[in-house]
Amino acid sequence: MMNQTSSNDRIIYATFMQRVAAFMVDCLVFIPITLLSNFNTLSIKSLVLSFLITFVWWMYKPLMEWKFGATLGKMALKMRVVDEESQAISLNQAALRFLPYFAVSLSVFFSTIALFGVDGFYEAHTFDDFQTLEPNSSGSDTIQLTVFFFIFSCSSILLDKKRQAIHDQISQTYCIITKKQGSSSSK
């Protein structure tokens, strides 16, 4: 059961839309890395660089939530990830929370590896060139399946009174608002 620090403090669980907004801020933070990934696919064509970019994404969310209690997106929107006692989460909990994101990014990474093996990949340097490459339907099926499970996990927030996604329930964590939005602090 979640402890409350005082009778005046009330835990406010982040809504689905607040969490989506935080995720969108995190996506904005990753624009430079996404651009580097696209440039790599079009010009550099380094599988090692693709792995490094994926690795940065794999480390960002779990390490930020473990070390700081929030990603940059959550920080910007005054959210924090806590355990059942409203305390900082463990690295294990952070890793468990990341599982749906990991599944999606892993399937995308495997599709990227497959793309490097497609005939004509190294000669393709524009988006038009890539449209002529033979599509990898099995990779797209895997991505669609993992995205479905990701959406299923996240949509459970709408039905849960403490607004936990399935990955929150598995890791026994909660996404809370740290300061009432629109309120001013008094000393």
C-alpha atoms as a PDB file:
ATOM      1  CA  MET A   1       0.000   0.000   0.000  1.00  0.00           C
ATOM      2  CA  MET A   2       1.308   3.430  -0.861  1.00  0.00           C
ATOM      3  CA  ASN A   3       2.306   5.545   2.126  1.00  0.00           C
ATOM      4  CA  GLN A   4       1.309   9.161   2.268  1.00  0.00           C
ATOM      5  CA  THR A   5       3.761  11.560   3.840  1.00  0.00           C
ATOM      6  CA  SER A   6       1.104  13.651   5.552  1.00  0.00           C
ATOM      7  CA  SER A   7      -2.648  13.859   5.769  1.00  0.00           C
ATOM      8  CA  ASN A   8      -2.567  16.873   3.425  1.00  0.00           C
ATOM      9  CA  ASP A   9      -0.557  15.094   0.729  1.00  0.00           C
ATOM     10  CA  ARG A  10      -2.598  13.174  -1.759  1.00  0.00           C
ATOM     11  CA  ILE A  11      -1.084  10.938  -4.403  1.00  0.00           C
ATOM     12  CA  ILE A  12      -2.124  12.021  -7.870  1.00  0.00           C
ATOM     13  CA  TYR A  13      -1.598   9.338 -10.477  1.00  0.00           C
ATOM     14  CA  ALA A  14      -0.580  10.517 -13.937  1.00  0.00           C
ATOM     15  CA  THR A  15      -3.298  10.122 -16.558  1.00  0.00           C
ATOM     16  CA  PHE A  16      -2.912   8.309 -19.837  1.00  0.00           C
ATOM     17  CA  MET A  17      -2.675  11.604 -21.748  1.00  0.00           C
ATOM     18  CA  GLN A  18      -0.113  13.054 -19.322  1.00  0.00           C
ATOM     19  CA  ARG A  19       2.029   9.986 -19.836  1.00  0.00           C
ATOM     20  CA  VAL A  20       1.623  10.208 -23.619  1.00  0.00           C
ATOM     21  CA  ALA A  21       2.694  13.871 -23.444  1.00  0.00           C
ATOM     22  CA  ALA A  22       5.799  12.905 -21.436  1.00  0.00           C
ATOM     23  CA  PHE A  23       6.614  10.233 -24.019  1.00  0.00           C
ATOM     24  CA  MET A  24       6.269  12.830 -26.789  1.00  0.00           C
ATOM     25  CA  VAL A  25       8.738  15.130 -24.983  1.00  0.00           C
ATOM     26  CA  ASP A  26      11.146  12.184 -24.772  1.00  0.00           C
ATOM     27  CA  CYS A  27      10.688  11.662 -28.523  1.00  0.00           C
ATOM     28  CA  LEU A  28      11.641  15.317 -29.056  1.00  0.00           C
ATOM     29  CA  VAL A  29      14.763  14.768 -26.970  1.00  0.00           C
ATOM     30  CA  PHE A  30      15.670  11.900 -29.289  1.00  0.00           C
ATOM     31  CA  ILE A  31      15.266  13.867 -32.543  1.00  0.00           C
ATOM     32  CA  PRO A  32      19.060  14.258 -33.005  1.00  0.00           C
ATOM     33  CA  ILE A  33      19.578  10.528 -32.486  1.00  0.00           C
ATOM     34  CA  THR A  34      16.687   9.710 -34.839  1.00  0.00           C
ATOM     35  CA  LEU A  35      18.217  11.987 -37.478  1.00  0.00           C
ATOM     36  CA  LEU A  36      21.576  10.255 -36.999  1.00  0.00           C
ATOM     37  CA  SER A  37      19.824   6.892 -37.407  1.00  0.00           C
ATOM     38  CA  ASN A  38      18.197   8.023 -40.653  1.00  0.00           C
ATOM     39  CA  PHE A  39      21.501   9.447 -41.910  1.00  0.00           C
ATOM     40  CA  ASN A  40      23.165   6.148 -41.032  1.00  0.00           C
ATOM     41  CA  THR A  41      20.587   4.187 -43.025  1.00  0.00           C
ATOM     42  CA  LEU A  42      20.854   6.491 -46.045  1.00  0.00           C
ATOM     43  CA  SER A  43      24.574   7.258 -46.123  1.00  0.00           C
ATOM     44  CA  ILE A  44      26.874   5.797 -43.475  1.00  0.00           C
ATOM     45  CA  LYS A  45      25.331   2.295 -43.502  1.00  0.00           C
ATOM     46  CA  SER A  46      27.016   1.068 -40.333  1.00  0.00           C
ATOM     47  CA  LEU A  47      25.373  -1.810 -38.499  1.00  0.00           C
ATOM     48  CA  VAL A  48      27.563  -1.031 -35.465  1.00  0.00           C
ATOM     49  CA  LEU A  49      26.237   2.550 -35.387  1.00  0.00           C
ATOM     50  CA  SER A  50      22.673   1.199 -35.653  1.00  0.00           C
ATOM     51  CA  PHE A  51      23.345  -0.972 -32.619  1.00  0.00           C
ATOM     52  CA  LEU A  52      24.883   1.924 -30.659  1.00  0.00           C
ATOM     53  CA  ILE A  53      21.856   4.123 -31.401  1.00  0.00           C
ATOM     54  CA  THR A  54      19.523   1.336 -30.286  1.00  0.00           C
ATOM     55  CA  PHE A  55      21.633   0.777 -27.164  1.00  0.00           C
ATOM     56  CA  VAL A  56      21.316   4.468 -26.205  1.00  0.00           C
ATOM     57  CA  TRP A  57      17.527   4.115 -26.396  1.00  0.00           C
ATOM     58  CA  TRP A  58      17.618   0.889 -24.368  1.00  0.00           C
ATOM     59  CA  MET A  59      19.614   2.593 -21.597  1.00  0.00           C
ATOM     60  CA  TYR A  60      17.822   5.971 -21.515  1.00  0.00           C
ATOM     61  CA  LYS A  61      14.448   5.151 -20.000  1.00  0.00           C
ATOM     62  CA  PRO A  62      15.393   2.506 -17.422  1.00  0.00           C
ATOM     63  CA  LEU A  63      18.502   4.329 -16.208  1.00  0.00           C
ATOM     64  CA  MET A  64      16.775   7.729 -15.998  1.00  0.00           C
ATOM     65  CA  GLU A  65      13.810   6.302 -14.093  1.00  0.00           C
ATOM     66  CA  TRP A  66      16.079   4.349 -11.751  1.00  0.00           C
ATOM     67  CA  LYS A  67      18.608   7.126 -11.101  1.00  0.00           C
ATOM     68  CA  PHE A  68      16.366  10.224 -11.255  1.00  0.00           C
ATOM     69  CA  GLY A  69      12.839   8.826 -10.886  1.00  0.00           C
ATOM     70  CA  ALA A  70      11.821  10.127 -14.312  1.00  0.00           C
ATOM     71  CA  THR A  71      12.822  10.571 -17.921  1.00  0.00           C
ATOM     72  CA  LEU A  72      13.313  14.114 -19.206  1.00  0.00           C
ATOM     73  CA  GLY A  73       9.739  14.054 -20.515  1.00  0.00           C
ATOM     74  CA  LYS A  74       8.343  13.058 -17.133  1.00  0.00           C
ATOM     75  CA  MET A  75      10.526  15.661 -15.407  1.00  0.00           C
ATOM     76  CA  ALA A  76       9.249  18.376 -17.728  1.00  0.00           C
ATOM     77  CA  LEU A  77       5.667  17.417 -16.924  1.00  0.00           C
ATOM     78  CA  LYS A  78       6.265  17.071 -13.168  1.00  0.00           C
ATOM     79  CA  MET A  79       5.931  13.299 -13.003  1.00  0.00           C
ATOM     80  CA  ARG A  80       7.898  10.675 -11.184  1.00  0.00           C
ATOM     81  CA  VAL A  81       7.964   6.876 -11.115  1.00  0.00           C
ATOM     82  CA  VAL A  82       7.740   5.433  -7.600  1.00  0.00           C
ATOM     83  CA  ASP A  83       7.354   2.083  -5.889  1.00  0.00           C
ATOM     84  CA  GLU A  84       4.496   0.992  -3.625  1.00  0.00           C
ATOM     85  CA  GLU A  85       5.885   3.080  -0.742  1.00  0.00           C
ATOM     86  CA  SER A  86       6.230   6.209  -2.921  1.00  0.00           C
ATOM     87  CA  GLN A  87      10.019   5.730  -2.886  1.00  0.00           C
ATOM     88  CA  ALA A  88      12.570   5.566  -5.676  1.00  0.00           C
ATOM     89  CA  ILE A  89      12.362   2.448  -7.822  1.00  0.00           C
ATOM     90  CA  SER A  90      15.094  -0.167  -8.084  1.00  0.00           C
ATOM     91  CA  LEU A  91      17.076  -0.874 -11.238  1.00  0.00           C
ATOM     92  CA  ASN A  92      15.210  -4.181 -11.512  1.00  0.00           C
ATOM     93  CA  GLN A  93      11.841  -2.370 -11.406  1.00  0.00           C
ATOM     94  CA  ALA A  94      13.060   0.119 -14.014  1.00  0.00           C
ATOM     95  CA  ALA A  95      14.121  -2.742 -16.281  1.00  0.00           C
ATOM     96  CA  LEU A  96      10.761  -4.500 -15.845  1.00  0.00           C
ATOM     97  CA  ARG A  97       8.893  -1.269 -16.671  1.00  0.00           C
ATOM     98  CA  PHE A  98      10.930  -0.992 -19.872  1.00  0.00           C
ATOM     99  CA  LEU A  99      10.003  -4.455 -21.217  1.00  0.00           C
ATOM    100  CA  PRO A 100       7.247  -3.338 -23.662  1.00  0.00           C
ATOM    101  CA  TYR A 101       9.483  -0.565 -25.039  1.00  0.00           C
ATOM    102  CA  PHE A 102      12.351  -3.039 -25.288  1.00  0.00           C
ATOM    103  CA  ALA A 103      10.198  -5.521 -27.217  1.00  0.00           C
ATOM    104  CA  VAL A 104       9.212  -2.886 -29.779  1.00  0.00           C
ATOM    105  CA  SER A 105      12.754  -1.533 -30.191  1.00  0.00           C
ATOM    106  CA  LEU A 106      14.209  -5.052 -30.395  1.00  0.00           C
ATOM    107  CA  SER A 107      11.833  -5.981 -33.211  1.00  0.00           C
ATOM    108  CA  VAL A 108      12.737  -2.736 -35.020  1.00  0.00           C
ATOM    109  CA  PHE A 109      16.427  -3.505 -34.508  1.00  0.00           C
ATOM    110  CA  PHE A 110      16.012  -7.013 -35.974  1.00  0.00           C
ATOM    111  CA  SER A 111      14.241  -5.456 -38.957  1.00  0.00           C
ATOM    112  CA  THR A 112      17.161  -3.062 -39.320  1.00  0.00           C
ATOM    113  CA  ILE A 113      19.607  -5.975 -39.298  1.00  0.00           C
ATOM    114  CA  ALA A 114      17.496  -7.647 -41.997  1.00  0.00           C
ATOM    115  CA  LEU A 115      17.502  -4.418 -44.022  1.00  0.00           C
ATOM    116  CA  PHE A 116      21.314  -4.478 -44.101  1.00  0.00           C
ATOM    117  CA  GLY A 117      21.058  -7.890 -45.794  1.00  0.00           C
ATOM    118  CA  VAL A 118      18.582  -6.861 -48.514  1.00  0.00           C
ATOM    119  CA  ASP A 119      19.964  -6.824 -52.055  1.00  0.00           C
ATOM    120  CA  GLY A 120      20.520  -3.226 -53.095  1.00  0.00           C
ATOM    121  CA  PHE A 121      20.623  -1.786 -49.551  1.00  0.00           C
ATOM    122  CA  TYR A 122      24.172  -0.443 -49.855  1.00  0.00           C
ATOM    123  CA  GLU A 123      23.347   1.168 -53.202  1.00  0.00           C
ATOM    124  CA  ALA A 124      20.167   2.872 -51.893  1.00  0.00           C
ATOM    125  CA  HIS A 125      20.776   6.462 -50.768  1.00  0.00           C
ATOM    126  CA  THR A 126      17.356   8.135 -51.016  1.00  0.00           C
ATOM    127  CA  PHE A 127      13.919   7.336 -49.663  1.00  0.00           C
ATOM    128  CA  ASP A 128      12.806   6.630 -53.242  1.00  0.00           C
ATOM    129  CA  ASP A 129      15.643   4.092 -53.583  1.00  0.00           C
ATOM    130  CA  PHE A 130      14.441   2.332 -50.428  1.00  0.00           C
ATOM    131  CA  GLN A 131      10.917   1.987 -51.802  1.00  0.00           C
ATOM    132  CA  THR A 132      12.257  -0.186 -54.618  1.00  0.00           C
ATOM    133  CA  LEU A 133      13.949  -2.620 -52.226  1.00  0.00           C
ATOM    134  CA  GLU A 134      12.212  -5.907 -51.577  1.00  0.00           C
ATOM    135  CA  PRO A 135      10.099  -5.479 -48.425  1.00  0.00           C
ATOM    136  CA  ASN A 136      10.732  -7.680 -45.419  1.00  0.00           C
ATOM    137  CA  SER A 137       7.190  -8.772 -44.546  1.00  0.00           C
ATOM    138  CA  SER A 138       8.191 -11.041 -41.655  1.00  0.00           C
ATOM    139  CA  GLY A 139       9.958  -8.128 -39.956  1.00  0.00           C
ATOM    140  CA  SER A 140       6.931  -5.900 -40.335  1.00  0.00           C
ATOM    141  CA  ASP A 141       4.677  -8.629 -38.872  1.00  0.00           C
ATOM    142  CA  THR A 142       6.940  -8.858 -35.824  1.00  0.00           C
ATOM    143  CA  ILE A 143       6.897  -5.090 -35.363  1.00  0.00           C
ATOM    144  CA  GLN A 144       3.099  -5.000 -35.652  1.00  0.00           C
ATOM    145  CA  LEU A 145       2.721  -7.756 -33.058  1.00  0.00           C
ATOM    146  CA  THR A 146       5.052  -6.103 -30.565  1.00  0.00           C
ATOM    147  CA  VAL A 147       3.412  -2.706 -31.084  1.00  0.00           C
ATOM    148  CA  PHE A 148       0.033  -4.350 -30.384  1.00  0.00           C
ATOM    149  CA  PHE A 149       1.309  -5.709 -27.047  1.00  0.00           C
ATOM    150  CA  PHE A 150       2.839  -2.308 -26.225  1.00  0.00           C
ATOM    151  CA  ILE A 151      -0.487  -0.568 -26.905  1.00  0.00           C
ATOM    152  CA  PHE A 152      -2.343  -3.248 -24.927  1.00  0.00           C
ATOM    153  CA  SER A 153      -0.040  -2.718 -21.937  1.00  0.00           C
ATOM    154  CA  CYS A 154      -0.300   1.062 -22.050  1.00  0.00           C
ATOM    155  CA  SER A 155      -4.050   1.186 -22.681  1.00  0.00           C
ATOM    156  CA  SER A 156      -4.649  -0.621 -19.399  1.00  0.00           C
ATOM    157  CA  ILE A 157      -3.916   2.755 -17.772  1.00  0.00           C
ATOM    158  CA  LEU A 158      -7.412   3.825 -18.856  1.00  0.00           C
ATOM    159  CA  LEU A 159      -9.062   1.017 -16.876  1.00  0.00           C
ATOM    160  CA  ASP A 160      -6.969   1.001 -13.712  1.00  0.00           C
ATOM    161  CA  LYS A 161      -7.937   3.185 -10.734  1.00  0.00           C
ATOM    162  CA  LYS A 162      -4.249   3.829  -9.951  1.00  0.00           C
ATOM    163  CA  ARG A 163      -3.569   4.318 -13.664  1.00  0.00           C
ATOM    164  CA  GLN A 164      -1.043   1.524 -13.899  1.00  0.00           C
ATOM    165  CA  ALA A 165      -0.070   0.059 -17.236  1.00  0.00           C
ATOM    166  CA  ILE A 166       0.548  -3.677 -17.270  1.00  0.00           C
ATOM    167  CA  HIS A 167       4.294  -3.000 -17.141  1.00  0.00           C
ATOM    168  CA  ASP A 168       3.681  -0.872 -14.001  1.00  0.00           C
ATOM    169  CA  GLN A 169       1.709  -3.693 -12.415  1.00  0.00           C
ATOM    170  CA  ILE A 170       4.436  -6.234 -13.201  1.00  0.00           C
ATOM    171  CA  SER A 171       7.144  -3.968 -11.782  1.00  0.00           C
ATOM    172  CA  GLN A 172       4.959  -2.727  -8.887  1.00  0.00           C
ATOM    173  CA  THR A 173       5.475   0.918  -9.828  1.00  0.00           C
ATOM    174  CA  TYR A 174       3.299   3.991 -10.194  1.00  0.00           C
ATOM    175  CA  CYS A 175       3.622   7.122 -12.291  1.00  0.00           C
ATOM    176  CA  ILE A 176       2.592  10.071 -10.126  1.00  0.00           C
ATOM    177  CA  ILE A 177       2.378  13.834 -10.403  1.00  0.00           C
ATOM    178  CA  THR A 178       5.023  15.402  -8.176  1.00  0.00           C
ATOM    179  CA  LYS A 179       3.535  18.885  -7.981  1.00  0.00           C
ATOM    180  CA  LYS A 180      -0.003  19.893  -8.729  1.00  0.00           C
ATOM    181  CA  GLN A 181       0.105  21.564 -12.113  1.00  0.00           C
ATOM    182  CA  GLY A 182      -0.962  25.195 -12.000  1.00  0.00           C
ATOM    183  CA  SER A 183      -0.371  25.558  -8.260  1.00  0.00           C
ATOM    184  CA  SER A 184       2.138  27.987  -6.827  1.00  0.00           C
ATOM    185  CA  SER A 185       4.507  26.986  -4.077  1.00  0.00           C
ATOM    186  CA  SER A 186       4.480  28.891  -0.850  1.00  0.00           C
ATOM    187  CA  LYS A 187       7.227  29.167   1.726  1.00  0.00           C
END
